[in-house]
Amino acid sequence: MASQSAASKRQQELQLQYSNYKSTLQQLAQKIGDIEQETEEHKLVLETLAPLPKDRTCFRLINGVLVERTVGDVVPALETTSEGLKKVLEGLVKDYKKKQEEMETWKAKNNVQVVR
């Protein structure tokens, strides 16, 4: 009887750890998707502003406030932000792969097989 409860407890612990890994991977994937979408939006805006004269008026939404600027002011800021987003994206992808490898190692170590 004691060995059954120990095995049951072990199984519950493994299920909890597996759920934690899956949850973490899902959160990272969601963040990656959000950043990819934002990067695409920045790219589209930069492509739209590229042919325009630098002194043309444009509007930029900053923290919910619409501000009037010139294309010459906005483009460098957007390029900087876009580069920052790309670096963050690279870091998140590395984190995702690392966590995925960690999960696979854990599954192999604990002889975990996913039943669907």
C-alpha atoms as a PDB file:
ATOM      1  CA  MET A   1       0.000   0.000   0.000  1.00  0.00           C
ATOM      2  CA  ALA A   2       2.826   2.393   0.849  1.00  0.00           C
ATOM      3  CA  SER A   3       4.560   1.710  -2.459  1.00  0.00           C
ATOM      4  CA  GLN A   4       1.349   2.521  -4.344  1.00  0.00           C
ATOM      5  CA  SER A   5       0.955   5.877  -2.612  1.00  0.00           C
ATOM      6  CA  ALA A   6       4.638   6.673  -3.198  1.00  0.00           C
ATOM      7  CA  ALA A   7       4.296   5.786  -6.886  1.00  0.00           C
ATOM      8  CA  SER A   8       1.108   7.836  -7.119  1.00  0.00           C
ATOM      9  CA  LYS A   9       2.786  10.800  -5.440  1.00  0.00           C
ATOM     10  CA  ARG A  10       5.774  10.469  -7.788  1.00  0.00           C
ATOM     11  CA  GLN A  11       3.437  10.384 -10.780  1.00  0.00           C
ATOM     12  CA  GLN A  12       1.649  13.525  -9.563  1.00  0.00           C
ATOM     13  CA  GLU A  13       4.983  15.310  -9.107  1.00  0.00           C
ATOM     14  CA  LEU A  14       6.043  14.356 -12.628  1.00  0.00           C
ATOM     15  CA  GLN A  15       2.718  15.528 -14.043  1.00  0.00           C
ATOM     16  CA  LEU A  16       3.076  18.829 -12.209  1.00  0.00           C
ATOM     17  CA  GLN A  17       6.612  19.335 -13.512  1.00  0.00           C
ATOM     18  CA  TYR A  18       5.487  18.451 -17.039  1.00  0.00           C
ATOM     19  CA  SER A  19       2.616  20.934 -16.784  1.00  0.00           C
ATOM     20  CA  ASN A  20       5.032  23.617 -15.590  1.00  0.00           C
ATOM     21  CA  TYR A  21       7.344  22.989 -18.552  1.00  0.00           C
ATOM     22  CA  LYS A  22       4.444  23.098 -21.011  1.00  0.00           C
ATOM     23  CA  SER A  23       3.081  26.288 -19.441  1.00  0.00           C
ATOM     24  CA  THR A  24       6.468  28.003 -19.576  1.00  0.00           C
ATOM     25  CA  LEU A  25       6.943  27.010 -23.221  1.00  0.00           C
ATOM     26  CA  GLN A  26       3.459  28.244 -24.073  1.00  0.00           C
ATOM     27  CA  GLN A  27       4.119  31.615 -22.399  1.00  0.00           C
ATOM     28  CA  LEU A  28       7.422  32.001 -24.258  1.00  0.00           C
ATOM     29  CA  ALA A  29       5.736  31.118 -27.551  1.00  0.00           C
ATOM     30  CA  GLN A  30       3.046  33.747 -26.870  1.00  0.00           C
ATOM     31  CA  LYS A  31       5.677  36.414 -26.152  1.00  0.00           C
ATOM     32  CA  ILE A  32       7.583  35.448 -29.304  1.00  0.00           C
ATOM     33  CA  GLY A  33       4.398  35.786 -31.350  1.00  0.00           C
ATOM     34  CA  ASP A  34       3.625  39.199 -29.855  1.00  0.00           C
ATOM     35  CA  ILE A  35       7.126  40.522 -30.543  1.00  0.00           C
ATOM     36  CA  GLU A  36       7.110  39.121 -34.099  1.00  0.00           C
ATOM     37  CA  GLN A  37       3.823  40.928 -34.753  1.00  0.00           C
ATOM     38  CA  GLU A  38       5.167  44.179 -33.357  1.00  0.00           C
ATOM     39  CA  THR A  39       8.348  43.822 -35.430  1.00  0.00           C
ATOM     40  CA  GLU A  40       6.260  43.354 -38.574  1.00  0.00           C
ATOM     41  CA  GLU A  41       4.238  46.475 -37.738  1.00  0.00           C
ATOM     42  CA  HIS A  42       7.439  48.502 -37.325  1.00  0.00           C
ATOM     43  CA  LYS A  43       8.758  47.147 -40.631  1.00  0.00           C
ATOM     44  CA  LEU A  44       5.541  48.103 -42.431  1.00  0.00           C
ATOM     45  CA  VAL A  45       5.588  51.649 -41.005  1.00  0.00           C
ATOM     46  CA  LEU A  46       9.262  52.105 -41.919  1.00  0.00           C
ATOM     47  CA  GLU A  47       8.575  50.923 -45.482  1.00  0.00           C
ATOM     48  CA  THR A  48       5.669  53.366 -45.702  1.00  0.00           C
ATOM     49  CA  LEU A  49       7.709  56.317 -44.398  1.00  0.00           C
ATOM     50  CA  ALA A  50      10.869  55.606 -46.448  1.00  0.00           C
ATOM     51  CA  PRO A  51       9.834  57.376 -49.688  1.00  0.00           C
ATOM     52  CA  LEU A  52       8.388  60.424 -47.888  1.00  0.00           C
ATOM     53  CA  PRO A  53      10.274  63.716 -47.488  1.00  0.00           C
ATOM     54  CA  LYS A  54      12.000  64.118 -44.104  1.00  0.00           C
ATOM     55  CA  ASP A  55      10.170  67.367 -43.295  1.00  0.00           C
ATOM     56  CA  ARG A  56       6.690  65.927 -43.827  1.00  0.00           C
ATOM     57  CA  THR A  57       4.438  65.890 -40.781  1.00  0.00           C
ATOM     58  CA  CYS A  58       3.436  62.532 -39.359  1.00  0.00           C
ATOM     59  CA  PHE A  59       1.827  61.315 -36.170  1.00  0.00           C
ATOM     60  CA  ARG A  60       3.133  58.781 -33.695  1.00  0.00           C
ATOM     61  CA  LEU A  61       1.297  57.074 -30.854  1.00  0.00           C
ATOM     62  CA  ILE A  62       3.435  57.133 -27.707  1.00  0.00           C
ATOM     63  CA  ASN A  63       1.930  55.580 -24.562  1.00  0.00           C
ATOM     64  CA  GLY A  64      -1.580  56.250 -25.802  1.00  0.00           C
ATOM     65  CA  VAL A  65      -0.856  59.874 -26.750  1.00  0.00           C
ATOM     66  CA  LEU A  66      -0.837  60.908 -30.403  1.00  0.00           C
ATOM     67  CA  VAL A  67       2.069  63.299 -31.011  1.00  0.00           C
ATOM     68  CA  GLU A  68       2.886  65.304 -34.117  1.00  0.00           C
ATOM     69  CA  ARG A  69       6.425  64.884 -35.449  1.00  0.00           C
ATOM     70  CA  THR A  70       8.261  64.936 -38.740  1.00  0.00           C
ATOM     71  CA  VAL A  71       9.260  61.852 -40.701  1.00  0.00           C
ATOM     72  CA  GLY A  72      12.899  62.759 -40.039  1.00  0.00           C
ATOM     73  CA  ASP A  73      12.283  62.594 -36.265  1.00  0.00           C
ATOM     74  CA  VAL A  74      10.213  59.419 -36.288  1.00  0.00           C
ATOM     75  CA  VAL A  75      12.211  57.141 -38.615  1.00  0.00           C
ATOM     76  CA  PRO A  76      15.404  56.940 -36.473  1.00  0.00           C
ATOM     77  CA  ALA A  77      13.342  56.239 -33.348  1.00  0.00           C
ATOM     78  CA  LEU A  78      11.407  53.505 -35.147  1.00  0.00           C
ATOM     79  CA  GLU A  79      14.619  51.953 -36.474  1.00  0.00           C
ATOM     80  CA  THR A  80      16.109  51.893 -32.977  1.00  0.00           C
ATOM     81  CA  THR A  81      12.969  50.346 -31.547  1.00  0.00           C
ATOM     82  CA  SER A  82      12.841  47.797 -34.351  1.00  0.00           C
ATOM     83  CA  GLU A  83      16.444  46.739 -33.720  1.00  0.00           C
ATOM     84  CA  GLY A  84      15.700  46.407 -30.009  1.00  0.00           C
ATOM     85  CA  LEU A  85      12.690  44.216 -30.761  1.00  0.00           C
ATOM     86  CA  LYS A  86      14.823  41.974 -32.975  1.00  0.00           C
ATOM     87  CA  LYS A  87      17.368  41.512 -30.167  1.00  0.00           C
ATOM     88  CA  VAL A  88      14.610  40.715 -27.670  1.00  0.00           C
ATOM     89  CA  LEU A  89      13.113  38.256 -30.146  1.00  0.00           C
ATOM     90  CA  GLU A  90      16.460  36.493 -30.594  1.00  0.00           C
ATOM     91  CA  GLY A  91      16.808  36.202 -26.823  1.00  0.00           C
ATOM     92  CA  LEU A  92      13.306  34.782 -26.425  1.00  0.00           C
ATOM     93  CA  VAL A  93      13.887  32.230 -29.193  1.00  0.00           C
ATOM     94  CA  LYS A  94      17.123  31.131 -27.456  1.00  0.00           C
ATOM     95  CA  ASP A  95      15.238  30.862 -24.140  1.00  0.00           C
ATOM     96  CA  TYR A  96      12.505  28.813 -25.809  1.00  0.00           C
ATOM     97  CA  LYS A  97      14.968  26.395 -27.383  1.00  0.00           C
ATOM     98  CA  LYS A  98      16.904  26.089 -24.121  1.00  0.00           C
ATOM     99  CA  LYS A  99      13.727  25.362 -22.147  1.00  0.00           C
ATOM    100  CA  GLN A 100      12.587  22.866 -24.781  1.00  0.00           C
ATOM    101  CA  GLU A 101      15.934  21.028 -24.605  1.00  0.00           C
ATOM    102  CA  GLU A 102      15.739  21.111 -20.814  1.00  0.00           C
ATOM    103  CA  MET A 103      12.275  19.554 -20.982  1.00  0.00           C
ATOM    104  CA  GLU A 104      13.425  16.826 -23.385  1.00  0.00           C
ATOM    105  CA  THR A 105      16.377  16.022 -21.106  1.00  0.00           C
ATOM    106  CA  TRP A 106      14.039  15.902 -18.111  1.00  0.00           C
ATOM    107  CA  LYS A 107      11.639  13.597 -19.993  1.00  0.00           C
ATOM    108  CA  ALA A 108      14.474  11.231 -20.922  1.00  0.00           C
ATOM    109  CA  LYS A 109      15.945  11.286 -17.403  1.00  0.00           C
ATOM    110  CA  ASN A 110      12.601  10.508 -15.760  1.00  0.00           C
ATOM    111  CA  ASN A 111      11.444   8.138 -18.519  1.00  0.00           C
ATOM    112  CA  VAL A 112       8.361  10.277 -19.162  1.00  0.00           C
ATOM    113  CA  GLN A 113       6.195   9.396 -22.120  1.00  0.00           C
ATOM    114  CA  VAL A 114       3.353  11.673 -23.110  1.00  0.00           C
ATOM    115  CA  VAL A 115       0.011   9.911 -23.521  1.00  0.00           C
ATOM    116  CA  ARG A 116      -2.590  11.776 -25.526  1.00  0.00           C
END
